[in-house]
Amino acid sequence: MTLIEVIVVITIIAILTALVAVAVIPQLEDSKREAAKIEISSIMNALKIYYAKKGNYPDTAAGLQALVAARALEKIPMDPWNNPYVYINEGGNPVIISYGKDGAPGGQGDNADISSKELK
């Protein structure tokens, strides 16, 4: 093979890699958002078990750690972006939130919050 042939082959491989990356990367973020929704649903189920045992939901200060203490969860999961889920008890109504990719409240697109309120 000549140097030009090698350069052409490397260029073709680079172009194919770029095309695949453009198609796959957005799907990765969508799958992370779906995984967060599934984990939030699982945490909500654990909260229902806690409620059945204790007669109320943990307060905001006790947080999700109360689920581990009551053996409703084995451990507190992290969201798909490796941030902790936020637990708030709003007057007896539990809310679980993932702040999305940026880990901060608010945001749009991949950075948008995912809440148990929107899953109902």
PDB file of N, CA and C in Angstrom:
ATOM      1  N   MET A   1       0.840  -1.193   0.000  1.00  0.00           N
ATOM      2  CA  MET A   1       0.000   0.000   0.000  1.00  0.00           C
ATOM      3  C   MET A   1       0.875   1.244   0.000  1.00  0.00           C
ATOM      4  N   THR A   2       0.380   2.225  -0.683  1.00  0.00           N
ATOM      5  CA  THR A   2       1.105   3.487  -0.696  1.00  0.00           C
ATOM      6  C   THR A   2       0.595   4.369   0.429  1.00  0.00           C
ATOM      7  N   LEU A   3       1.314   5.406   0.689  1.00  0.00           N
ATOM      8  CA  LEU A   3       0.941   6.348   1.752  1.00  0.00           C
ATOM      9  C   LEU A   3      -0.413   6.993   1.466  1.00  0.00           C
ATOM     10  N   ILE A   4      -0.695   7.285   0.236  1.00  0.00           N
ATOM     11  CA  ILE A   4      -1.977   7.906  -0.130  1.00  0.00           C
ATOM     12  C   ILE A   4      -3.132   6.949   0.138  1.00  0.00           C
ATOM     13  N   GLU A   5      -2.958   5.679  -0.172  1.00  0.00           N
ATOM     14  CA  GLU A   5      -4.015   4.702   0.099  1.00  0.00           C
ATOM     15  C   GLU A   5      -4.299   4.592   1.590  1.00  0.00           C
ATOM     16  N   VAL A   6      -3.234   4.597   2.398  1.00  0.00           N
ATOM     17  CA  VAL A   6      -3.397   4.523   3.852  1.00  0.00           C
ATOM     18  C   VAL A   6      -4.134   5.757   4.359  1.00  0.00           C
ATOM     19  N   ILE A   7      -3.782   6.913   3.867  1.00  0.00           N
ATOM     20  CA  ILE A   7      -4.445   8.154   4.278  1.00  0.00           C
ATOM     21  C   ILE A   7      -5.917   8.122   3.879  1.00  0.00           C
ATOM     22  N   VAL A   8      -6.238   7.617   2.713  1.00  0.00           N
ATOM     23  CA  VAL A   8      -7.629   7.524   2.255  1.00  0.00           C
ATOM     24  C   VAL A   8      -8.408   6.582   3.169  1.00  0.00           C
ATOM     25  N   VAL A   9      -7.827   5.433   3.509  1.00  0.00           N
ATOM     26  CA  VAL A   9      -8.504   4.474   4.387  1.00  0.00           C
ATOM     27  C   VAL A   9      -8.739   5.092   5.764  1.00  0.00           C
ATOM     28  N   ILE A  10      -7.746   5.762   6.317  1.00  0.00           N
ATOM     29  CA  ILE A  10      -7.885   6.407   7.634  1.00  0.00           C
ATOM     30  C   ILE A  10      -8.953   7.499   7.579  1.00  0.00           C
ATOM     31  N   THR A  11      -9.002   8.247   6.508  1.00  0.00           N
ATOM     32  CA  THR A  11     -10.023   9.291   6.353  1.00  0.00           C
ATOM     33  C   THR A  11     -11.421   8.683   6.299  1.00  0.00           C
ATOM     34  N   ILE A  12     -11.578   7.610   5.570  1.00  0.00           N
ATOM     35  CA  ILE A  12     -12.885   6.939   5.486  1.00  0.00           C
ATOM     36  C   ILE A  12     -13.303   6.421   6.857  1.00  0.00           C
ATOM     37  N   ILE A  13     -12.370   5.816   7.586  1.00  0.00           N
ATOM     38  CA  ILE A  13     -12.686   5.322   8.932  1.00  0.00           C
ATOM     39  C   ILE A  13     -13.069   6.475   9.851  1.00  0.00           C
ATOM     40  N   ALA A  14     -12.387   7.593   9.766  1.00  0.00           N
ATOM     41  CA  ALA A  14     -12.707   8.761  10.600  1.00  0.00           C
ATOM     42  C   ALA A  14     -14.095   9.305  10.280  1.00  0.00           C
ATOM     43  N   ILE A  15     -14.447   9.356   9.011  1.00  0.00           N
ATOM     44  CA  ILE A  15     -15.768   9.842   8.605  1.00  0.00           C
ATOM     45  C   ILE A  15     -16.858   8.905   9.120  1.00  0.00           C
ATOM     46  N   LEU A  16     -16.651   7.597   8.999  1.00  0.00           N
ATOM     47  CA  LEU A  16     -17.638   6.633   9.504  1.00  0.00           C
ATOM     48  C   LEU A  16     -17.778   6.729  11.021  1.00  0.00           C
ATOM     49  N   THR A  17     -16.676   6.895  11.717  1.00  0.00           N
ATOM     50  CA  THR A  17     -16.709   7.042  13.174  1.00  0.00           C
ATOM     51  C   THR A  17     -17.487   8.295  13.568  1.00  0.00           C
ATOM     52  N   ALA A  18     -17.274   9.381  12.867  1.00  0.00           N
ATOM     53  CA  ALA A  18     -17.996  10.625  13.163  1.00  0.00           C
ATOM     54  C   ALA A  18     -19.491  10.458  12.927  1.00  0.00           C
ATOM     55  N   LEU A  19     -19.869   9.783  11.858  1.00  0.00           N
ATOM     56  CA  LEU A  19     -21.292   9.565  11.569  1.00  0.00           C
ATOM     57  C   LEU A  19     -21.950   8.712  12.640  1.00  0.00           C
ATOM     58  N   VAL A  20     -21.267   7.682  13.077  1.00  0.00           N
ATOM     59  CA  VAL A  20     -21.816   6.819  14.127  1.00  0.00           C
ATOM     60  C   VAL A  20     -21.939   7.604  15.432  1.00  0.00           C
ATOM     61  N   ALA A  21     -20.938   8.389  15.775  1.00  0.00           N
ATOM     62  CA  ALA A  21     -20.967   9.171  17.016  1.00  0.00           C
ATOM     63  C   ALA A  21     -22.128  10.160  17.021  1.00  0.00           C
ATOM     64  N   VAL A  22     -22.378  10.802  15.898  1.00  0.00           N
ATOM     65  CA  VAL A  22     -23.479  11.763  15.805  1.00  0.00           C
ATOM     66  C   VAL A  22     -24.823  11.066  16.025  1.00  0.00           C
ATOM     67  N   ALA A  23     -24.947   9.830  15.589  1.00  0.00           N
ATOM     68  CA  ALA A  23     -26.206   9.099  15.746  1.00  0.00           C
ATOM     69  C   ALA A  23     -26.355   8.489  17.132  1.00  0.00           C
ATOM     70  N   VAL A  24     -25.258   8.097  17.783  1.00  0.00           N
ATOM     71  CA  VAL A  24     -25.328   7.358  19.038  1.00  0.00           C
ATOM     72  C   VAL A  24     -25.355   8.264  20.272  1.00  0.00           C
ATOM     73  N   ILE A  25     -24.605   9.329  20.288  1.00  0.00           N
ATOM     74  CA  ILE A  25     -24.492  10.174  21.490  1.00  0.00           C
ATOM     75  C   ILE A  25     -25.831  10.727  21.957  1.00  0.00           C
ATOM     76  N   PRO A  26     -26.699  11.249  21.088  1.00  0.00           N
ATOM     77  CA  PRO A  26     -28.011  11.711  21.587  1.00  0.00           C
ATOM     78  C   PRO A  26     -28.840  10.572  22.186  1.00  0.00           C
ATOM     79  N   GLN A  27     -28.723   9.384  21.649  1.00  0.00           N
ATOM     80  CA  GLN A  27     -29.461   8.242  22.185  1.00  0.00           C
ATOM     81  C   GLN A  27     -28.966   7.880  23.578  1.00  0.00           C
ATOM     82  N   LEU A  28     -27.695   8.088  23.842  1.00  0.00           N
ATOM     83  CA  LEU A  28     -27.133   7.802  25.159  1.00  0.00           C
ATOM     84  C   LEU A  28     -27.771   8.694  26.211  1.00  0.00           C
ATOM     85  N   GLU A  29     -27.905   9.962  25.933  1.00  0.00           N
ATOM     86  CA  GLU A  29     -28.524  10.883  26.897  1.00  0.00           C
ATOM     87  C   GLU A  29     -30.003  10.560  27.091  1.00  0.00           C
ATOM     88  N   ASP A  30     -30.685  10.198  26.019  1.00  0.00           N
ATOM     89  CA  ASP A  30     -32.101   9.809  26.148  1.00  0.00           C
ATOM     90  C   ASP A  30     -32.235   8.569  27.030  1.00  0.00           C
ATOM     91  N   SER A  31     -31.321   7.622  26.871  1.00  0.00           N
ATOM     92  CA  SER A  31     -31.391   6.410  27.690  1.00  0.00           C
ATOM     93  C   SER A  31     -31.092   6.716  29.150  1.00  0.00           C
ATOM     94  N   LYS A  32     -30.221   7.676  29.423  1.00  0.00           N
ATOM     95  CA  LYS A  32     -29.957   8.074  30.809  1.00  0.00           C
ATOM     96  C   LYS A  32     -31.199   8.706  31.431  1.00  0.00           C
ATOM     97  N   ARG A  33     -31.906   9.517  30.673  1.00  0.00           N
ATOM     98  CA  ARG A  33     -33.134  10.129  31.193  1.00  0.00           C
ATOM     99  C   ARG A  33     -34.183   9.048  31.489  1.00  0.00           C
ATOM    100  N   GLU A  34     -34.298   8.058  30.608  1.00  0.00           N
ATOM    101  CA  GLU A  34     -35.247   6.963  30.842  1.00  0.00           C
ATOM    102  C   GLU A  34     -34.839   6.134  32.059  1.00  0.00           C
ATOM    103  N   ALA A  35     -33.530   5.910  32.224  1.00  0.00           N
ATOM    104  CA  ALA A  35     -33.047   5.166  33.389  1.00  0.00           C
ATOM    105  C   ALA A  35     -33.372   5.921  34.681  1.00  0.00           C
ATOM    106  N   ALA A  36     -33.235   7.244  34.658  1.00  0.00           N
ATOM    107  CA  ALA A  36     -33.570   8.047  35.838  1.00  0.00           C
ATOM    108  C   ALA A  36     -35.054   7.915  36.171  1.00  0.00           C
ATOM    109  N   LYS A  37     -35.913   7.919  35.160  1.00  0.00           N
ATOM    110  CA  LYS A  37     -37.350   7.759  35.396  1.00  0.00           C
ATOM    111  C   LYS A  37     -37.661   6.402  36.027  1.00  0.00           C
ATOM    112  N   ILE A  38     -36.985   5.366  35.551  1.00  0.00           N
ATOM    113  CA  ILE A  38     -37.207   4.031  36.105  1.00  0.00           C
ATOM    114  C   ILE A  38     -36.730   3.965  37.552  1.00  0.00           C
ATOM    115  N   GLU A  39     -35.564   4.548  37.840  1.00  0.00           N
ATOM    116  CA  GLU A  39     -35.066   4.544  39.220  1.00  0.00           C
ATOM    117  C   GLU A  39     -35.975   5.351  40.142  1.00  0.00           C
ATOM    118  N   ILE A  40     -36.484   6.477  39.660  1.00  0.00           N
ATOM    119  CA  ILE A  40     -37.405   7.280  40.473  1.00  0.00           C
ATOM    120  C   ILE A  40     -38.657   6.461  40.791  1.00  0.00           C
ATOM    121  N   SER A  41     -39.159   5.719  39.807  1.00  0.00           N
ATOM    122  CA  SER A  41     -40.321   4.857  40.057  1.00  0.00           C
ATOM    123  C   SER A  41     -40.010   3.794  41.104  1.00  0.00           C
ATOM    124  N   SER A  42     -38.816   3.229  41.049  1.00  0.00           N
ATOM    125  CA  SER A  42     -38.413   2.228  42.044  1.00  0.00           C
ATOM    126  C   SER A  42     -38.327   2.835  43.434  1.00  0.00           C
ATOM    127  N   ILE A  43     -37.787   4.040  43.515  1.00  0.00           N
ATOM    128  CA  ILE A  43     -37.702   4.718  44.818  1.00  0.00           C
ATOM    129  C   ILE A  43     -39.099   5.025  45.338  1.00  0.00           C
ATOM    130  N   MET A  44     -39.994   5.430  44.445  1.00  0.00           N
ATOM    131  CA  MET A  44     -41.375   5.695  44.871  1.00  0.00           C
ATOM    132  C   MET A  44     -42.029   4.415  45.395  1.00  0.00           C
ATOM    133  N   ASN A  45     -41.738   3.275  44.774  1.00  0.00           N
ATOM    134  CA  ASN A  45     -42.263   1.995  45.270  1.00  0.00           C
ATOM    135  C   ASN A  45     -41.702   1.687  46.653  1.00  0.00           C
ATOM    136  N   ALA A  46     -40.424   1.985  46.867  1.00  0.00           N
ATOM    137  CA  ALA A  46     -39.824   1.781  48.183  1.00  0.00           C
ATOM    138  C   ALA A  46     -40.479   2.709  49.212  1.00  0.00           C
ATOM    139  N   LEU A  47     -40.836   3.913  48.792  1.00  0.00           N
ATOM    140  CA  LEU A  47     -41.539   4.838  49.699  1.00  0.00           C
ATOM    141  C   LEU A  47     -42.916   4.292  50.076  1.00  0.00           C
ATOM    142  N   LYS A  48     -43.575   3.631  49.142  1.00  0.00           N
ATOM    143  CA  LYS A  48     -44.875   3.018  49.451  1.00  0.00           C
ATOM    144  C   LYS A  48     -44.716   1.886  50.465  1.00  0.00           C
ATOM    145  N   ILE A  49     -43.639   1.117  50.342  1.00  0.00           N
ATOM    146  CA  ILE A  49     -43.361   0.063  51.326  1.00  0.00           C
ATOM    147  C   ILE A  49     -43.097   0.695  52.693  1.00  0.00           C
ATOM    148  N   TYR A  50     -42.319   1.763  52.709  1.00  0.00           N
ATOM    149  CA  TYR A  50     -42.034   2.473  53.958  1.00  0.00           C
ATOM    150  C   TYR A  50     -43.336   2.971  54.585  1.00  0.00           C
ATOM    151  N   TYR A  51     -44.203   3.545  53.752  1.00  0.00           N
ATOM    152  CA  TYR A  51     -45.481   4.057  54.242  1.00  0.00           C
ATOM    153  C   TYR A  51     -46.328   2.926  54.834  1.00  0.00           C
ATOM    154  N   ALA A  52     -46.312   1.771  54.185  1.00  0.00           N
ATOM    155  CA  ALA A  52     -47.091   0.632  54.684  1.00  0.00           C
ATOM    156  C   ALA A  52     -46.574   0.164  56.044  1.00  0.00           C
ATOM    157  N   LYS A  53     -45.269   0.251  56.250  1.00  0.00           N
ATOM    158  CA  LYS A  53     -44.678  -0.171  57.520  1.00  0.00           C
ATOM    159  C   LYS A  53     -44.850   0.871  58.620  1.00  0.00           C
ATOM    160  N   LYS A  54     -44.645   2.142  58.270  1.00  0.00           N
ATOM    161  CA  LYS A  54     -44.575   3.204  59.282  1.00  0.00           C
ATOM    162  C   LYS A  54     -45.839   4.057  59.397  1.00  0.00           C
ATOM    163  N   GLY A  55     -46.664   4.053  58.355  1.00  0.00           N
ATOM    164  CA  GLY A  55     -47.881   4.860  58.402  1.00  0.00           C
ATOM    165  C   GLY A  55     -47.706   6.295  57.939  1.00  0.00           C
ATOM    166  N   ASN A  56     -46.498   6.664  57.563  1.00  0.00           N
ATOM    167  CA  ASN A  56     -46.234   7.991  57.003  1.00  0.00           C
ATOM    168  C   ASN A  56     -44.952   7.924  56.168  1.00  0.00           C
ATOM    169  N   TYR A  57     -44.713   8.979  55.397  1.00  0.00           N
ATOM    170  CA  TYR A  57     -43.487   9.046  54.608  1.00  0.00           C
ATOM    171  C   TYR A  57     -42.400   9.711  55.437  1.00  0.00           C
ATOM    172  N   PRO A  58     -41.129   9.423  55.155  1.00  0.00           N
ATOM    173  CA  PRO A  58     -40.070  10.097  55.907  1.00  0.00           C
ATOM    174  C   PRO A  58     -40.114  11.598  55.659  1.00  0.00           C
ATOM    175  N   ASP A  59     -39.718  12.372  56.667  1.00  0.00           N
ATOM    176  CA  ASP A  59     -39.675  13.812  56.442  1.00  0.00           C
ATOM    177  C   ASP A  59     -38.455  14.157  55.592  1.00  0.00           C
ATOM    178  N   THR A  60     -38.407  15.386  55.124  1.00  0.00           N
ATOM    179  CA  THR A  60     -37.340  15.803  54.224  1.00  0.00           C
ATOM    180  C   THR A  60     -35.975  15.658  54.884  1.00  0.00           C
ATOM    181  N   ALA A  61     -35.896  15.949  56.173  1.00  0.00           N
ATOM    182  CA  ALA A  61     -34.610  15.863  56.876  1.00  0.00           C
ATOM    183  C   ALA A  61     -34.094  14.427  56.917  1.00  0.00           C
ATOM    184  N   ALA A  62     -34.972  13.462  57.143  1.00  0.00           N
ATOM    185  CA  ALA A  62     -34.556  12.054  57.182  1.00  0.00           C
ATOM    186  C   ALA A  62     -34.175  11.571  55.787  1.00  0.00           C
ATOM    187  N   GLY A  63     -34.854  12.092  54.790  1.00  0.00           N
ATOM    188  CA  GLY A  63     -34.537  11.787  53.406  1.00  0.00           C
ATOM    189  C   GLY A  63     -34.631  10.325  53.040  1.00  0.00           C
ATOM    190  N   LEU A  64     -33.925   9.974  51.999  1.00  0.00           N
ATOM    191  CA  LEU A  64     -33.967   8.607  51.487  1.00  0.00           C
ATOM    192  C   LEU A  64     -33.224   7.630  52.394  1.00  0.00           C
ATOM    193  N   GLN A  65     -32.379   8.142  53.271  1.00  0.00           N
ATOM    194  CA  GLN A  65     -31.660   7.269  54.205  1.00  0.00           C
ATOM    195  C   GLN A  65     -32.641   6.504  55.087  1.00  0.00           C
ATOM    196  N   ALA A  66     -33.809   7.091  55.348  1.00  0.00           N
ATOM    197  CA  ALA A  66     -34.830   6.411  56.151  1.00  0.00           C
ATOM    198  C   ALA A  66     -35.302   5.132  55.466  1.00  0.00           C
ATOM    199  N   LEU A  67     -35.283   5.097  54.137  1.00  0.00           N
ATOM    200  CA  LEU A  67     -35.691   3.893  53.400  1.00  0.00           C
ATOM    201  C   LEU A  67     -34.687   2.761  53.603  1.00  0.00           C
ATOM    202  N   VAL A  68     -33.427   3.113  53.702  1.00  0.00           N
ATOM    203  CA  VAL A  68     -32.399   2.099  53.946  1.00  0.00           C
ATOM    204  C   VAL A  68     -32.536   1.573  55.371  1.00  0.00           C
ATOM    205  N   ALA A  69     -32.752   2.485  56.320  1.00  0.00           N
ATOM    206  CA  ALA A  69     -32.902   2.077  57.723  1.00  0.00           C
ATOM    207  C   ALA A  69     -34.119   1.171  57.910  1.00  0.00           C
ATOM    208  N   ALA A  70     -35.182   1.426  57.167  1.00  0.00           N
ATOM    209  CA  ALA A  70     -36.405   0.618  57.267  1.00  0.00           C
ATOM    210  C   ALA A  70     -36.356  -0.613  56.359  1.00  0.00           C
ATOM    211  N   ARG A  71     -35.247  -0.803  55.680  1.00  0.00           N
ATOM    212  CA  ARG A  71     -35.038  -1.926  54.767  1.00  0.00           C
ATOM    213  C   ARG A  71     -36.008  -1.937  53.587  1.00  0.00           C
ATOM    214  N   ALA A  72     -36.466  -0.768  53.195  1.00  0.00           N
ATOM    215  CA  ALA A  72     -37.286  -0.660  51.987  1.00  0.00           C
ATOM    216  C   ALA A  72     -36.386  -0.541  50.756  1.00  0.00           C
ATOM    217  N   LEU A  73     -35.151  -0.078  50.965  1.00  0.00           N
ATOM    218  CA  LEU A  73     -34.122  -0.019  49.919  1.00  0.00           C
ATOM    219  C   LEU A  73     -32.841  -0.605  50.489  1.00  0.00           C
ATOM    220  N   GLU A  74     -32.085  -1.280  49.630  1.00  0.00           N
ATOM    221  CA  GLU A  74     -30.803  -1.814  50.083  1.00  0.00           C
ATOM    222  C   GLU A  74     -29.777  -0.697  50.231  1.00  0.00           C
ATOM    223  N   LYS A  75     -29.731   0.192  49.236  1.00  0.00           N
ATOM    224  CA  LYS A  75     -28.867   1.367  49.297  1.00  0.00           C
ATOM    225  C   LYS A  75     -29.505   2.468  48.464  1.00  0.00           C
ATOM    226  N   ILE A  76     -29.092   3.682  48.705  1.00  0.00           N
ATOM    227  CA  ILE A  76     -29.629   4.821  47.961  1.00  0.00           C
ATOM    228  C   ILE A  76     -28.893   4.915  46.631  1.00  0.00           C
ATOM    229  N   PRO A  77     -29.617   4.811  45.519  1.00  0.00           N
ATOM    230  CA  PRO A  77     -28.938   4.887  44.221  1.00  0.00           C
ATOM    231  C   PRO A  77     -28.556   6.319  43.862  1.00  0.00           C
ATOM    232  N   MET A  78     -27.592   6.436  42.985  1.00  0.00           N
ATOM    233  CA  MET A  78     -27.239   7.721  42.391  1.00  0.00           C
ATOM    234  C   MET A  78     -27.944   7.794  41.041  1.00  0.00           C
ATOM    235  N   ASP A  79     -28.205   9.000  40.568  1.00  0.00           N
ATOM    236  CA  ASP A  79     -28.846   9.103  39.257  1.00  0.00           C
ATOM    237  C   ASP A  79     -27.834   8.728  38.165  1.00  0.00           C
ATOM    238  N   PRO A  80     -28.268   8.583  36.920  1.00  0.00           N
ATOM    239  CA  PRO A  80     -27.363   8.145  35.858  1.00  0.00           C
ATOM    240  C   PRO A  80     -26.173   9.070  35.599  1.00  0.00           C
ATOM    241  N   TRP A  81     -26.228  10.304  36.106  1.00  0.00           N
ATOM    242  CA  TRP A  81     -25.114  11.246  35.958  1.00  0.00           C
ATOM    243  C   TRP A  81     -24.261  11.281  37.220  1.00  0.00           C
ATOM    244  N   ASN A  82     -24.481  10.304  38.089  1.00  0.00           N
ATOM    245  CA  ASN A  82     -23.737  10.135  39.341  1.00  0.00           C
ATOM    246  C   ASN A  82     -23.968  11.273  40.336  1.00  0.00           C
ATOM    247  N   ASN A  83     -25.170  11.814  40.332  1.00  0.00           N
ATOM    248  CA  ASN A  83     -25.594  12.809  41.315  1.00  0.00           C
ATOM    249  C   ASN A  83     -26.635  12.173  42.231  1.00  0.00           C
ATOM    250  N   PRO A  84     -26.729  12.632  43.469  1.00  0.00           N
ATOM    251  CA  PRO A  84     -27.753  12.057  44.357  1.00  0.00           C
ATOM    252  C   PRO A  84     -29.157  12.501  43.948  1.00  0.00           C
ATOM    253  N   TYR A  85     -30.122  11.621  44.172  1.00  0.00           N
ATOM    254  CA  TYR A  85     -31.517  12.004  43.986  1.00  0.00           C
ATOM    255  C   TYR A  85     -31.911  12.904  45.154  1.00  0.00           C
ATOM    256  N   VAL A  86     -32.793  13.838  44.893  1.00  0.00           N
ATOM    257  CA  VAL A  86     -33.272  14.762  45.918  1.00  0.00           C
ATOM    258  C   VAL A  86     -34.640  14.276  46.383  1.00  0.00           C
ATOM    259  N   TYR A  87     -34.816  14.223  47.696  1.00  0.00           N
ATOM    260  CA  TYR A  87     -36.099  13.813  48.277  1.00  0.00           C
ATOM    261  C   TYR A  87     -36.691  14.992  49.026  1.00  0.00           C
ATOM    262  N   ILE A  88     -37.966  15.262  48.757  1.00  0.00           N
ATOM    263  CA  ILE A  88     -38.699  16.319  49.460  1.00  0.00           C
ATOM    264  C   ILE A  88     -40.055  15.757  49.867  1.00  0.00           C
ATOM    265  N   ASN A  89     -40.418  15.971  51.123  1.00  0.00           N
ATOM    266  CA  ASN A  89     -41.751  15.604  51.584  1.00  0.00           C
ATOM    267  C   ASN A  89     -42.571  16.892  51.592  1.00  0.00           C
ATOM    268  N   GLU A  90     -43.463  17.010  50.620  1.00  0.00           N
ATOM    269  CA  GLU A  90     -44.299  18.213  50.482  1.00  0.00           C
ATOM    270  C   GLU A  90     -45.651  17.969  51.142  1.00  0.00           C
ATOM    271  N   GLY A  91     -45.717  18.188  52.453  1.00  0.00           N
ATOM    272  CA  GLY A  91     -46.972  18.028  53.172  1.00  0.00           C
ATOM    273  C   GLY A  91     -47.547  16.631  53.090  1.00  0.00           C
ATOM    274  N   GLY A  92     -46.700  15.623  53.215  1.00  0.00           N
ATOM    275  CA  GLY A  92     -47.173  14.244  53.163  1.00  0.00           C
ATOM    276  C   GLY A  92     -47.131  13.629  51.776  1.00  0.00           C
ATOM    277  N   ASN A  93     -46.711  14.398  50.794  1.00  0.00           N
ATOM    278  CA  ASN A  93     -46.570  13.894  49.424  1.00  0.00           C
ATOM    279  C   ASN A  93     -45.089  13.846  49.065  1.00  0.00           C
ATOM    280  N   PRO A  94     -44.524  12.638  48.924  1.00  0.00           N
ATOM    281  CA  PRO A  94     -43.097  12.550  48.612  1.00  0.00           C
ATOM    282  C   PRO A  94     -42.809  12.909  47.162  1.00  0.00           C
ATOM    283  N   VAL A  95     -41.689  13.584  46.965  1.00  0.00           N
ATOM    284  CA  VAL A  95     -41.251  13.950  45.624  1.00  0.00           C
ATOM    285  C   VAL A  95     -39.775  13.569  45.494  1.00  0.00           C
ATOM    286  N   ILE A  96     -39.449  12.855  44.426  1.00  0.00           N
ATOM    287  CA  ILE A  96     -38.066  12.486  44.120  1.00  0.00           C
ATOM    288  C   ILE A  96     -37.669  13.253  42.864  1.00  0.00           C
ATOM    289  N   ILE A  97     -36.467  13.847  42.888  1.00  0.00           N
ATOM    290  CA  ILE A  97     -36.012  14.663  41.760  1.00  0.00           C
ATOM    291  C   ILE A  97     -34.585  14.290  41.385  1.00  0.00           C
ATOM    292  N   SER A  98     -34.350  14.185  40.084  1.00  0.00           N
ATOM    293  CA  SER A  98     -32.989  14.158  39.534  1.00  0.00           C
ATOM    294  C   SER A  98     -32.832  15.480  38.793  1.00  0.00           C
ATOM    295  N   TYR A  99     -31.730  16.170  39.050  1.00  0.00           N
ATOM    296  CA  TYR A  99     -31.525  17.463  38.408  1.00  0.00           C
ATOM    297  C   TYR A  99     -30.937  17.352  37.001  1.00  0.00           C
ATOM    298  N   GLY A 100     -30.862  16.159  36.468  1.00  0.00           N
ATOM    299  CA  GLY A 100     -30.411  15.976  35.091  1.00  0.00           C
ATOM    300  C   GLY A 100     -28.902  16.027  34.955  1.00  0.00           C
ATOM    301  N   LYS A 101     -28.460  16.184  33.748  1.00  0.00           N
ATOM    302  CA  LYS A 101     -27.038  16.103  33.419  1.00  0.00           C
ATOM    303  C   LYS A 101     -26.195  17.132  34.160  1.00  0.00           C
ATOM    304  N   ASP A 102     -26.705  18.354  34.308  1.00  0.00           N
ATOM    305  CA  ASP A 102     -25.906  19.403  34.950  1.00  0.00           C
ATOM    306  C   ASP A 102     -25.926  19.329  36.475  1.00  0.00           C
ATOM    307  N   GLY A 103     -26.832  18.557  37.053  1.00  0.00           N
ATOM    308  CA  GLY A 103     -26.891  18.408  38.503  1.00  0.00           C
ATOM    309  C   GLY A 103     -27.385  19.636  39.234  1.00  0.00           C
ATOM    310  N   ALA A 104     -27.984  20.582  38.509  1.00  0.00           N
ATOM    311  CA  ALA A 104     -28.480  21.818  39.114  1.00  0.00           C
ATOM    312  C   ALA A 104     -29.973  21.952  38.819  1.00  0.00           C
ATOM    313  N   PRO A 105     -30.720  22.584  39.733  1.00  0.00           N
ATOM    314  CA  PRO A 105     -32.158  22.758  39.502  1.00  0.00           C
ATOM    315  C   PRO A 105     -32.440  23.518  38.213  1.00  0.00           C
ATOM    316  N   GLY A 106     -33.553  23.150  37.578  1.00  0.00           N
ATOM    317  CA  GLY A 106     -33.963  23.817  36.342  1.00  0.00           C
ATOM    318  C   GLY A 106     -33.232  23.237  35.149  1.00  0.00           C
ATOM    319  N   GLY A 107     -33.206  23.966  34.091  1.00  0.00           N
ATOM    320  CA  GLY A 107     -32.502  23.531  32.890  1.00  0.00           C
ATOM    321  C   GLY A 107     -33.457  23.048  31.822  1.00  0.00           C
ATOM    322  N   GLN A 108     -32.895  22.866  30.639  1.00  0.00           N
ATOM    323  CA  GLN A 108     -33.674  22.405  29.495  1.00  0.00           C
ATOM    324  C   GLN A 108     -32.928  21.274  28.814  1.00  0.00           C
ATOM    325  N   GLY A 109     -33.633  20.504  28.028  1.00  0.00           N
ATOM    326  CA  GLY A 109     -33.011  19.404  27.298  1.00  0.00           C
ATOM    327  C   GLY A 109     -32.431  18.367  28.244  1.00  0.00           C
ATOM    328  N   ASP A 110     -31.171  18.010  28.044  1.00  0.00           N
ATOM    329  CA  ASP A 110     -30.515  17.013  28.890  1.00  0.00           C
ATOM    330  C   ASP A 110     -30.328  17.503  30.321  1.00  0.00           C
ATOM    331  N   ASN A 111     -30.338  18.811  30.522  1.00  0.00           N
ATOM    332  CA  ASN A 111     -30.153  19.394  31.848  1.00  0.00           C
ATOM    333  C   ASN A 111     -31.469  19.569  32.611  1.00  0.00           C
ATOM    334  N   ALA A 112     -32.588  19.232  31.996  1.00  0.00           N
ATOM    335  CA  ALA A 112     -33.900  19.422  32.633  1.00  0.00           C
ATOM    336  C   ALA A 112     -34.070  18.459  33.807  1.00  0.00           C
ATOM    337  N   ASP A 113     -34.779  18.930  34.812  1.00  0.00           N
ATOM    338  CA  ASP A 113     -35.079  18.104  35.988  1.00  0.00           C
ATOM    339  C   ASP A 113     -36.031  16.977  35.600  1.00  0.00           C
ATOM    340  N   ILE A 114     -35.891  15.853  36.309  1.00  0.00           N
ATOM    341  CA  ILE A 114     -36.813  14.734  36.158  1.00  0.00           C
ATOM    342  C   ILE A 114     -37.412  14.522  37.550  1.00  0.00           C
ATOM    343  N   SER A 115     -38.728  14.613  37.652  1.00  0.00           N
ATOM    344  CA  SER A 115     -39.397  14.563  38.944  1.00  0.00           C
ATOM    345  C   SER A 115     -40.445  13.470  38.974  1.00  0.00           C
ATOM    346  N   SER A 116     -40.665  12.935  40.167  1.00  0.00           N
ATOM    347  CA  SER A 116     -41.723  11.933  40.322  1.00  0.00           C
ATOM    348  C   SER A 116     -43.089  12.549  40.049  1.00  0.00           C
ATOM    349  N   LYS A 117     -43.201  13.861  40.162  1.00  0.00           N
ATOM    350  CA  LYS A 117     -44.482  14.531  39.858  1.00  0.00           C
ATOM    351  C   LYS A 117     -44.882  14.347  38.396  1.00  0.00           C
ATOM    352  N   GLU A 118     -43.900  14.371  37.492  1.00  0.00           N
ATOM    353  CA  GLU A 118     -44.201  14.243  36.071  1.00  0.00           C
ATOM    354  C   GLU A 118     -44.420  12.792  35.654  1.00  0.00           C
ATOM    355  N   LEU A 119     -44.089  11.845  36.516  1.00  0.00           N
ATOM    356  CA  LEU A 119     -44.271  10.428  36.183  1.00  0.00           C
ATOM    357  C   LEU A 119     -45.656   9.921  36.507  1.00  0.00           C
ATOM    358  N   LYS A 120     -46.440  10.696  37.235  1.00  0.00           N
ATOM    359  CA  LYS A 120     -47.790  10.251  37.653  1.00  0.00           C
ATOM    360  C   LYS A 120     -48.765  10.336  36.528  1.00  0.00           C
TER     361      LYS A 120
END
